[in-house]
N, C-alpha and C. Protein backbone atom coordinates (compact mmCIF):
# COMPACT_ATOMS: atom_id res chain seq x y z
N MET A 1 169.84 114.83 103.31
CA MET A 1 170.06 114.01 101.67
C MET A 1 169.07 113.40 101.39
N ILE A 2 169.24 113.33 100.36
CA ILE A 2 167.78 112.69 99.44
C ILE A 2 168.49 111.41 98.69
N ILE A 3 167.99 110.50 98.74
CA ILE A 3 168.63 109.63 97.56
C ILE A 3 167.81 108.90 96.54
N TYR A 4 167.37 109.14 95.39
CA TYR A 4 166.99 108.68 94.42
C TYR A 4 166.91 107.14 93.94
N LYS A 5 166.53 106.30 94.76
CA LYS A 5 166.58 104.75 94.11
C LYS A 5 165.61 104.16 92.88
N CYS A 6 166.42 103.22 92.51
CA CYS A 6 165.66 102.46 91.24
C CYS A 6 164.14 101.72 91.70
N LEU A 7 162.95 102.62 91.26
CA LEU A 7 161.37 101.86 91.51
C LEU A 7 161.55 100.31 92.02
N ILE A 8 162.17 99.66 91.02
CA ILE A 8 162.12 98.12 90.91
C ILE A 8 163.13 97.52 91.80
N SER A 9 164.34 98.11 91.49
CA SER A 9 165.52 97.43 92.04
C SER A 9 165.68 97.73 93.39
N ASP A 10 165.45 98.47 93.93
CA ASP A 10 165.61 99.37 95.10
C ASP A 10 167.43 99.68 94.77
N ASP A 11 167.87 99.80 93.90
CA ASP A 11 169.31 100.39 93.96
C ASP A 11 169.60 101.68 93.93
N GLU A 12 170.46 101.99 94.68
CA GLU A 12 170.48 104.15 94.77
C GLU A 12 171.02 104.26 93.51
N MET A 13 170.61 105.11 92.84
CA MET A 13 171.46 105.26 91.86
C MET A 13 172.03 106.97 91.71
N PHE A 14 171.43 107.65 92.66
CA PHE A 14 172.29 109.10 92.87
C PHE A 14 171.34 110.24 93.91
N THR A 15 172.37 110.74 94.45
CA THR A 15 171.51 111.49 95.24
C THR A 15 171.71 113.38 94.98
N ASP A 16 171.13 113.79 96.18
CA ASP A 16 171.03 115.21 95.64
C ASP A 16 172.55 115.70 96.05
N ALA A 17 173.20 115.50 96.08
CA ALA A 17 175.17 115.91 95.76
C ALA A 17 175.25 116.40 94.57
N TYR A 18 174.60 116.23 93.76
CA TYR A 18 174.98 116.98 92.40
C TYR A 18 173.82 117.75 91.96
N LYS A 19 174.46 118.40 90.83
CA LYS A 19 173.57 119.43 90.60
C LYS A 19 172.83 118.62 89.28
N MET A 20 171.51 118.91 89.52
CA MET A 20 170.55 118.37 89.02
C MET A 20 169.50 119.41 88.41
N THR A 21 168.85 119.02 86.97
CA THR A 21 167.98 119.43 86.33
C THR A 21 167.27 118.67 85.69
N GLU A 22 165.56 119.13 85.69
CA GLU A 22 164.80 118.45 84.96
C GLU A 22 164.87 118.71 83.35
N THR A 23 164.75 117.60 82.58
CA THR A 23 164.97 117.91 81.54
C THR A 23 163.49 118.55 81.01
N LYS A 24 163.69 119.41 79.60
CA LYS A 24 162.75 119.81 78.94
C LYS A 24 161.25 119.15 78.94
N ASP A 25 161.36 118.19 78.38
CA ASP A 25 160.06 117.16 78.22
C ASP A 25 159.45 116.50 79.67
N GLY A 26 160.53 117.05 80.65
CA GLY A 26 159.88 116.52 82.37
C GLY A 26 159.98 114.65 82.09
N MET A 27 160.75 114.12 81.51
CA MET A 27 160.85 112.99 81.66
C MET A 27 161.74 112.67 82.13
N PHE A 28 163.50 113.27 82.52
CA PHE A 28 164.62 112.70 83.09
C PHE A 28 164.73 113.74 84.13
N TYR A 29 165.12 113.12 84.97
CA TYR A 29 166.40 114.00 85.84
C TYR A 29 168.28 114.08 85.28
N LYS A 30 168.06 114.99 84.94
CA LYS A 30 169.62 115.40 84.00
C LYS A 30 170.91 115.70 84.97
N VAL A 31 171.51 115.02 85.07
CA VAL A 31 172.69 114.69 86.77
C VAL A 31 174.20 114.99 86.48
N GLU A 32 174.16 115.86 86.01
CA GLU A 32 175.71 116.54 86.05
C GLU A 32 176.79 115.77 86.89
N GLY A 33 177.82 115.16 85.86
CA GLY A 33 178.92 114.75 87.24
C GLY A 33 179.98 115.04 86.64
N LYS A 34 181.56 114.60 87.31
CA LYS A 34 182.58 114.79 87.35
C LYS A 34 183.40 113.58 87.07
N ILE A 35 184.09 113.93 86.10
CA ILE A 35 185.40 112.67 86.13
C ILE A 35 186.24 112.90 86.99
N VAL A 36 186.46 111.69 87.89
CA VAL A 36 187.86 111.56 89.38
C VAL A 36 188.40 110.54 89.11
N THR A 37 189.55 110.51 89.26
CA THR A 37 190.50 109.85 89.94
C THR A 37 190.59 109.25 91.57
N ARG A 38 190.68 108.59 92.16
CA ARG A 38 190.75 108.01 93.56
C ARG A 38 191.75 106.85 93.47
N LYS A 39 192.35 107.23 94.62
CA LYS A 39 193.51 106.32 95.08
C LYS A 39 193.15 105.55 96.13
N LYS A 40 193.57 104.18 95.95
CA LYS A 40 193.07 103.35 96.82
C LYS A 40 194.51 103.21 98.14
N GLU A 41 193.84 103.79 98.55
CA GLU A 41 194.84 104.04 99.79
C GLU A 41 195.80 102.86 100.80
N ASP A 42 196.89 102.99 100.97
CA ASP A 42 197.30 101.66 101.33
C ASP A 42 197.59 101.49 102.92
N ILE A 43 196.82 100.34 103.39
CA ILE A 43 196.21 100.53 104.34
C ILE A 43 196.76 99.56 105.66
N ASP A 44 197.47 100.94 106.23
CA ASP A 44 198.91 101.23 107.49
C ASP A 44 198.07 101.20 108.84
N GLY A 45 199.34 101.30 109.75
CA GLY A 45 198.58 101.26 111.15
C GLY A 45 197.91 102.61 111.23
N LYS A 46 198.21 103.89 110.11
CA LYS A 46 197.31 105.23 110.41
C LYS A 46 196.27 104.93 109.82
N LEU A 47 195.87 104.11 109.10
CA LEU A 47 194.52 104.41 108.70
C LEU A 47 193.72 103.10 109.87
N LEU A 48 194.34 102.53 110.32
CA LEU A 48 193.50 101.66 111.57
C LEU A 48 193.63 101.76 112.87
N GLY A 49 194.67 103.01 113.22
CA GLY A 49 194.58 103.53 114.48
C GLY A 49 195.75 102.93 115.41
N ALA A 50 196.71 102.56 115.06
CA ALA A 50 197.35 102.10 115.44
C ALA A 50 199.04 102.52 115.21
N ASN A 51 199.55 102.59 116.26
CA ASN A 51 200.97 103.45 116.43
C ASN A 51 202.03 102.53 116.33
N PRO A 52 202.20 102.10 114.76
CA PRO A 52 203.24 100.82 114.66
C PRO A 52 204.99 101.60 115.29
N SER A 53 205.82 100.36 115.88
CA SER A 53 206.80 100.55 116.77
C SER A 53 207.67 101.56 115.79
N ALA A 54 208.80 101.99 116.04
CA ALA A 54 209.85 102.87 115.27
C ALA A 54 210.71 101.81 114.46
N GLU A 55 210.63 100.75 115.47
CA GLU A 55 211.65 99.59 115.45
C GLU A 55 211.08 98.72 113.97
N GLU A 56 209.44 98.81 113.39
CA GLU A 56 208.97 97.88 112.11
C GLU A 56 209.33 98.54 111.16
N GLU A 57 209.67 98.06 110.14
CA GLU A 57 209.79 98.36 109.02
C GLU A 57 208.96 98.82 107.85
N VAL A 58 208.75 100.22 107.03
CA VAL A 58 207.92 100.17 106.33
C VAL A 58 207.87 99.64 104.89
N VAL A 59 207.32 99.21 104.91
CA VAL A 59 206.99 98.18 103.20
C VAL A 59 206.59 99.02 102.31
N ALA A 60 207.02 99.60 101.38
CA ALA A 60 206.59 100.38 100.61
C ALA A 60 205.42 99.77 99.60
N THR A 61 204.63 100.25 99.12
CA THR A 61 203.85 99.57 98.28
C THR A 61 202.95 100.62 96.82
N ASP A 62 202.82 99.40 95.83
CA ASP A 62 202.03 100.34 94.72
C ASP A 62 200.75 100.95 95.07
N GLU A 63 200.78 102.24 94.56
CA GLU A 63 199.08 102.71 94.93
C GLU A 63 198.30 102.58 93.88
N SER A 64 197.32 101.96 94.20
CA SER A 64 196.69 101.99 92.80
C SER A 64 195.56 102.88 92.39
N SER A 65 194.71 103.06 91.60
CA SER A 65 193.81 104.17 91.29
C SER A 65 192.76 103.95 90.54
N VAL A 66 191.57 104.35 90.35
CA VAL A 66 190.55 104.03 89.35
C VAL A 66 189.79 105.11 88.63
N SER A 67 189.71 105.13 87.61
CA SER A 67 188.81 106.89 87.49
C SER A 67 187.55 106.43 86.43
N GLY A 68 187.17 107.60 86.80
CA GLY A 68 185.37 107.59 86.28
C GLY A 68 184.22 108.32 86.94
N LEU A 69 183.11 108.46 86.18
CA LEU A 69 182.27 108.95 86.58
C LEU A 69 181.77 109.19 88.53
N ASP A 70 181.82 110.19 88.57
CA ASP A 70 181.41 110.28 90.40
C ASP A 70 180.64 109.48 90.45
N ILE A 71 179.44 109.57 89.70
CA ILE A 71 178.19 109.32 89.95
C ILE A 71 178.22 107.53 90.06
N VAL A 72 179.03 107.11 88.72
CA VAL A 72 179.09 105.98 88.92
C VAL A 72 179.93 105.02 89.66
N LEU A 73 180.91 105.72 90.33
CA LEU A 73 181.61 105.14 91.11
C LEU A 73 181.17 105.04 92.69
N ASN A 74 180.34 106.33 92.90
CA ASN A 74 179.85 106.57 93.94
C ASN A 74 178.39 105.66 94.54
N HIS A 75 178.15 105.32 93.46
CA HIS A 75 176.40 104.67 93.46
C HIS A 75 176.85 103.18 92.66
N SER A 76 177.86 102.58 92.62
CA SER A 76 178.33 101.15 91.72
C SER A 76 177.35 101.24 90.75
N LEU A 77 177.00 102.20 90.13
CA LEU A 77 176.23 101.71 88.66
C LEU A 77 176.93 100.74 87.72
N VAL A 78 176.69 100.02 87.04
CA VAL A 78 177.15 99.08 86.03
C VAL A 78 177.14 99.28 84.60
N ALA A 79 178.12 99.63 83.91
CA ALA A 79 178.32 99.57 82.57
C ALA A 79 177.48 98.74 81.74
N MET A 80 176.56 98.79 80.70
CA MET A 80 176.58 97.51 80.42
C MET A 80 176.37 97.91 78.81
N GLY A 81 177.25 96.84 78.25
CA GLY A 81 177.41 96.81 76.51
C GLY A 81 176.22 96.47 75.93
N PHE A 82 175.30 96.93 75.93
CA PHE A 82 174.02 96.94 75.43
C PHE A 82 174.03 97.07 73.67
N ASN A 83 173.91 96.38 72.85
CA ASN A 83 173.38 96.48 71.27
C ASN A 83 171.66 97.12 71.65
N LYS A 84 171.19 97.72 70.51
CA LYS A 84 170.09 97.94 70.09
C LYS A 84 168.97 96.88 71.19
N LYS A 85 169.26 95.68 70.58
CA LYS A 85 168.29 94.44 70.66
C LYS A 85 168.05 94.41 72.31
N ASN A 86 169.69 94.32 73.18
CA ASN A 86 169.74 94.04 74.33
C ASN A 86 168.76 95.46 74.75
N LEU A 87 169.37 96.39 74.98
CA LEU A 87 168.37 97.88 74.95
C LEU A 87 166.98 97.97 75.38
N LYS A 88 166.33 97.47 73.80
CA LYS A 88 165.36 97.32 73.39
C LYS A 88 164.50 96.43 74.98
N ILE A 89 165.34 95.22 74.97
CA ILE A 89 164.67 94.15 76.02
C ILE A 89 164.61 94.58 77.53
N GLN A 90 165.92 95.22 77.49
CA GLN A 90 165.72 95.86 79.27
C GLN A 90 164.80 96.83 79.42
N MET A 91 164.94 97.74 78.70
CA MET A 91 163.71 98.90 78.49
C MET A 91 162.35 98.61 78.74
N LYS A 92 162.13 97.53 77.83
CA LYS A 92 160.91 96.75 77.85
C LYS A 92 160.30 96.25 79.27
N ASN A 93 161.52 95.48 79.60
CA ASN A 93 160.82 94.94 81.29
C ASN A 93 161.11 95.89 81.87
N ASN A 94 161.57 97.01 81.73
CA ASN A 94 161.33 97.69 83.01
C ASN A 94 160.23 98.91 82.79
N VAL A 95 159.77 99.27 81.45
CA VAL A 95 158.81 99.59 81.48
C VAL A 95 157.50 98.85 81.62
N LYS A 96 157.40 97.43 81.86
CA LYS A 96 156.36 96.52 81.86
C LYS A 96 156.33 96.38 83.49
N ALA A 97 157.66 96.49 84.13
CA ALA A 97 157.15 96.48 85.59
C ALA A 97 156.64 97.76 86.40
N ILE A 98 157.10 99.22 85.45
CA ILE A 98 156.98 100.27 86.25
C ILE A 98 155.55 100.64 85.75
N LYS A 99 154.86 100.08 84.58
CA LYS A 99 153.58 100.19 84.36
C LYS A 99 152.34 99.67 85.46
N THR A 100 153.09 97.96 85.69
CA THR A 100 152.38 97.21 86.75
C THR A 100 152.39 97.68 88.08
N HIS A 101 153.31 98.58 88.39
CA HIS A 101 153.37 99.00 89.87
C HIS A 101 152.82 100.67 89.74
N LEU A 102 152.16 101.25 88.45
CA LEU A 102 151.44 102.36 88.44
C LEU A 102 150.43 101.99 88.83
N GLN A 103 149.65 100.97 87.84
CA GLN A 103 148.67 100.49 87.54
C GLN A 103 148.05 100.13 89.51
N GLU A 104 149.20 99.51 90.12
CA GLU A 104 148.34 99.53 91.80
C GLU A 104 148.15 100.73 92.38
N ASN A 105 149.43 101.33 92.17
CA ASN A 105 149.73 102.63 93.01
C ASN A 105 149.41 103.71 92.83
N ASN A 106 149.24 104.22 91.19
CA ASN A 106 149.01 105.77 91.02
C ASN A 106 148.56 105.08 89.49
N PRO A 107 147.02 104.46 88.78
CA PRO A 107 147.04 104.46 88.10
C PRO A 107 146.19 105.28 87.21
N GLU A 108 146.27 106.50 87.64
CA GLU A 108 145.89 107.80 86.77
C GLU A 108 147.40 108.12 85.95
N LYS A 109 148.41 107.56 86.35
CA LYS A 109 149.85 108.47 85.62
C LYS A 109 149.92 107.57 84.31
N VAL A 110 149.32 105.47 84.66
CA VAL A 110 149.71 104.59 83.54
C VAL A 110 150.16 105.12 81.91
N ASP A 111 148.76 105.96 81.79
CA ASP A 111 148.87 106.20 80.17
C ASP A 111 149.66 107.45 79.97
N LYS A 112 150.26 108.73 80.82
CA LYS A 112 150.97 109.65 80.28
C LYS A 112 152.36 109.04 80.28
N PHE A 113 152.46 108.01 81.39
CA PHE A 113 154.07 107.08 81.21
C PHE A 113 154.03 106.57 80.17
N VAL A 114 153.31 105.50 79.94
CA VAL A 114 153.17 104.70 78.62
C VAL A 114 153.96 105.58 77.21
N ALA A 115 152.42 106.76 77.20
CA ALA A 115 152.56 107.64 76.30
C ALA A 115 154.39 108.06 76.43
N ASP A 116 154.75 108.80 77.35
CA ASP A 116 155.60 109.00 77.77
C ASP A 116 157.19 108.17 76.68
N MET A 117 157.12 107.03 76.97
CA MET A 117 158.23 106.35 77.38
C MET A 117 157.91 105.60 75.31
N LEU A 118 156.90 105.76 75.09
CA LEU A 118 156.98 105.65 73.26
C LEU A 118 157.37 106.79 72.73
N ALA A 119 157.21 107.67 73.29
CA ALA A 119 157.77 109.13 72.41
C ALA A 119 159.03 109.26 72.50
N THR A 120 160.05 108.61 73.96
CA THR A 120 161.62 109.11 74.08
C THR A 120 162.27 107.92 73.47
N PHE A 121 161.89 106.51 73.95
CA PHE A 121 162.64 105.64 73.06
C PHE A 121 162.98 105.39 71.97
N PRO A 122 162.13 106.21 70.97
CA PRO A 122 163.03 106.03 69.64
C PRO A 122 163.99 107.05 69.57
N THR A 123 163.87 108.32 70.13
CA THR A 123 165.03 109.26 70.46
C THR A 123 166.65 108.39 70.37
N ILE A 124 166.21 107.88 71.63
CA ILE A 124 166.96 107.43 72.43
C ILE A 124 167.97 106.30 71.81
N LEU A 125 167.48 105.96 70.63
CA LEU A 125 167.49 104.83 69.75
C LEU A 125 168.29 105.43 68.58
N GLU A 126 167.96 106.43 68.09
CA GLU A 126 168.54 107.33 67.30
C GLU A 126 169.89 107.85 67.63
N ASN A 127 169.84 108.46 69.00
CA ASN A 127 171.19 108.82 69.45
C ASN A 127 171.80 107.56 70.00
N PHE A 128 171.77 106.18 69.91
CA PHE A 128 172.53 105.19 70.73
C PHE A 128 173.93 105.25 71.23
N ASP A 129 174.19 105.72 69.76
CA ASP A 129 175.97 105.59 69.88
C ASP A 129 176.71 107.11 70.77
N GLU A 130 175.67 107.91 70.93
CA GLU A 130 176.17 109.22 71.81
C GLU A 130 175.81 108.71 73.25
N TYR A 131 175.54 107.31 73.77
CA TYR A 131 175.05 106.78 75.18
C TYR A 131 176.05 105.93 75.57
N THR A 132 176.32 105.71 76.79
CA THR A 132 176.20 104.66 77.44
C THR A 132 175.94 104.01 78.66
N PHE A 133 175.11 103.23 78.47
CA PHE A 133 173.86 102.70 79.27
C PHE A 133 174.29 102.02 81.06
N TYR A 134 173.56 102.44 81.76
CA TYR A 134 173.89 101.25 83.19
C TYR A 134 172.84 101.28 83.58
N LEU A 135 173.17 99.71 84.33
CA LEU A 135 171.99 99.75 85.52
C LEU A 135 172.62 99.92 87.07
N GLY A 136 171.65 99.56 88.21
CA GLY A 136 172.35 99.86 89.31
C GLY A 136 172.78 98.60 89.75
N GLU A 137 173.91 98.49 91.02
CA GLU A 137 174.63 97.75 91.08
C GLU A 137 174.09 95.77 91.20
N SER A 138 172.70 95.64 91.38
CA SER A 138 172.02 94.29 91.40
C SER A 138 171.94 94.23 89.88
N MET A 139 171.79 95.07 88.92
CA MET A 139 172.01 94.47 87.63
C MET A 139 170.67 93.84 87.33
N SER A 140 169.50 94.28 87.63
CA SER A 140 167.83 93.63 87.97
C SER A 140 167.78 94.09 86.17
N PRO A 141 167.42 92.24 86.17
CA PRO A 141 166.56 92.15 84.54
C PRO A 141 165.31 93.59 84.23
N ASP A 142 164.63 93.83 85.29
CA ASP A 142 163.41 94.82 85.24
C ASP A 142 163.97 95.91 85.63
N GLY A 143 165.08 96.38 86.26
CA GLY A 143 165.89 97.81 86.53
C GLY A 143 165.61 98.78 85.36
N MET A 144 165.78 100.40 86.05
CA MET A 144 166.32 101.40 85.25
C MET A 144 167.74 101.39 84.55
N VAL A 145 167.01 102.09 83.15
CA VAL A 145 168.80 101.94 82.46
C VAL A 145 168.72 103.68 82.66
N ALA A 146 170.32 103.90 83.32
CA ALA A 146 170.32 105.38 83.34
C ALA A 146 171.11 105.55 81.94
N LEU A 147 171.39 106.62 81.29
CA LEU A 147 172.08 107.39 80.46
C LEU A 147 173.06 108.19 80.64
N LEU A 148 174.30 107.46 80.13
CA LEU A 148 175.44 108.37 80.46
C LEU A 148 175.97 109.39 78.79
N GLY A 149 175.73 110.61 78.63
CA GLY A 149 176.18 111.19 77.58
C GLY A 149 177.55 112.32 77.86
N TYR A 150 177.60 113.15 76.94
CA TYR A 150 178.56 114.32 77.15
C TYR A 150 178.10 115.70 76.58
N GLU A 151 178.20 116.87 77.02
CA GLU A 151 177.70 117.90 76.42
C GLU A 151 178.63 119.13 76.81
N ASP A 152 179.42 119.48 75.34
CA ASP A 152 180.69 120.29 76.06
C ASP A 152 181.77 119.81 76.50
N ASP A 153 181.86 118.12 76.16
CA ASP A 153 182.65 117.58 77.36
C ASP A 153 182.52 117.24 78.70
N GLN A 154 181.50 117.87 79.20
CA GLN A 154 180.73 117.72 80.43
C GLN A 154 180.11 116.62 80.36
N PRO A 155 180.34 115.55 81.16
CA PRO A 155 179.31 114.27 81.29
C PRO A 155 178.62 114.29 82.32
N TYR A 156 177.42 113.87 81.85
CA TYR A 156 175.91 114.23 82.78
C TYR A 156 175.05 112.81 82.48
N MET A 157 174.32 111.95 83.76
CA MET A 157 173.41 111.21 83.27
C MET A 157 171.82 110.99 83.16
N LEU A 158 171.16 110.73 82.89
CA LEU A 158 169.95 110.61 82.59
C LEU A 158 169.11 109.82 83.41
N PHE A 159 168.13 109.95 84.11
CA PHE A 159 167.69 109.27 85.14
C PHE A 159 166.07 109.20 84.78
N PHE A 160 165.20 108.14 84.31
CA PHE A 160 164.18 108.53 83.77
C PHE A 160 163.35 108.85 85.13
N LYS A 161 162.24 110.39 85.59
CA LYS A 161 161.87 110.38 86.85
C LYS A 161 161.20 109.60 87.36
N ASP A 162 160.12 108.47 86.42
CA ASP A 162 159.12 107.52 86.58
C ASP A 162 159.74 106.50 87.27
N CYS A 163 160.54 106.40 87.23
CA CYS A 163 161.64 104.89 87.61
C CYS A 163 162.19 104.99 88.90
N LEU A 164 161.86 106.65 89.55
CA LEU A 164 162.67 106.64 90.77
C LEU A 164 161.95 106.60 92.16
N VAL A 165 162.07 106.30 93.19
CA VAL A 165 161.84 106.85 94.75
C VAL A 165 162.53 107.67 95.24
N ILE A 166 161.97 108.52 95.43
CA ILE A 166 162.77 109.72 96.54
C ILE A 166 162.71 109.03 97.63
N GLU A 167 163.76 108.80 98.64
CA GLU A 167 163.80 108.73 99.97
C GLU A 167 164.75 109.95 101.00
N LYS A 168 164.22 110.56 101.71
CA LYS A 168 165.03 111.40 102.74
C LYS A 168 165.62 111.27 103.94
N TYR A 169 166.95 111.27 103.83
CA TYR A 169 167.60 110.57 105.31
C TYR A 169 167.97 111.84 105.81
């Protein structure tokens, strides 16, 4: 299994369990998700491996469920109610952190990364209303912003390639 984590926050963002492609510009991984509904199972003797006696009364409980995008649910991503100003601040912090990391580890990639981000960010702002923005579980102020969009009513998420660390398990 391959896990993709935020380079800065170390939050797990997605795995190779999803259909994934690179965008034409090479900036993002486009990860296809599915809307799912999950039932929260009642914890009873069966789940715990116990054998409830025949004399015990079974108490019925209401089942609760949660619906959402499988990528978000599986990796505890957090939806952020960014306005454009907040998004700019978050992205600026993330770009600064990634740039610092690249300067220390891959200085030859810095100029391309900065140029790509400067070219891509205005497009994100132009299409701001078409996306929902997510951070990793820690909600790091320097962490990567993932974008949720829809194409033909099918959900997908965009993750900046340069903001990810790939771990194999």
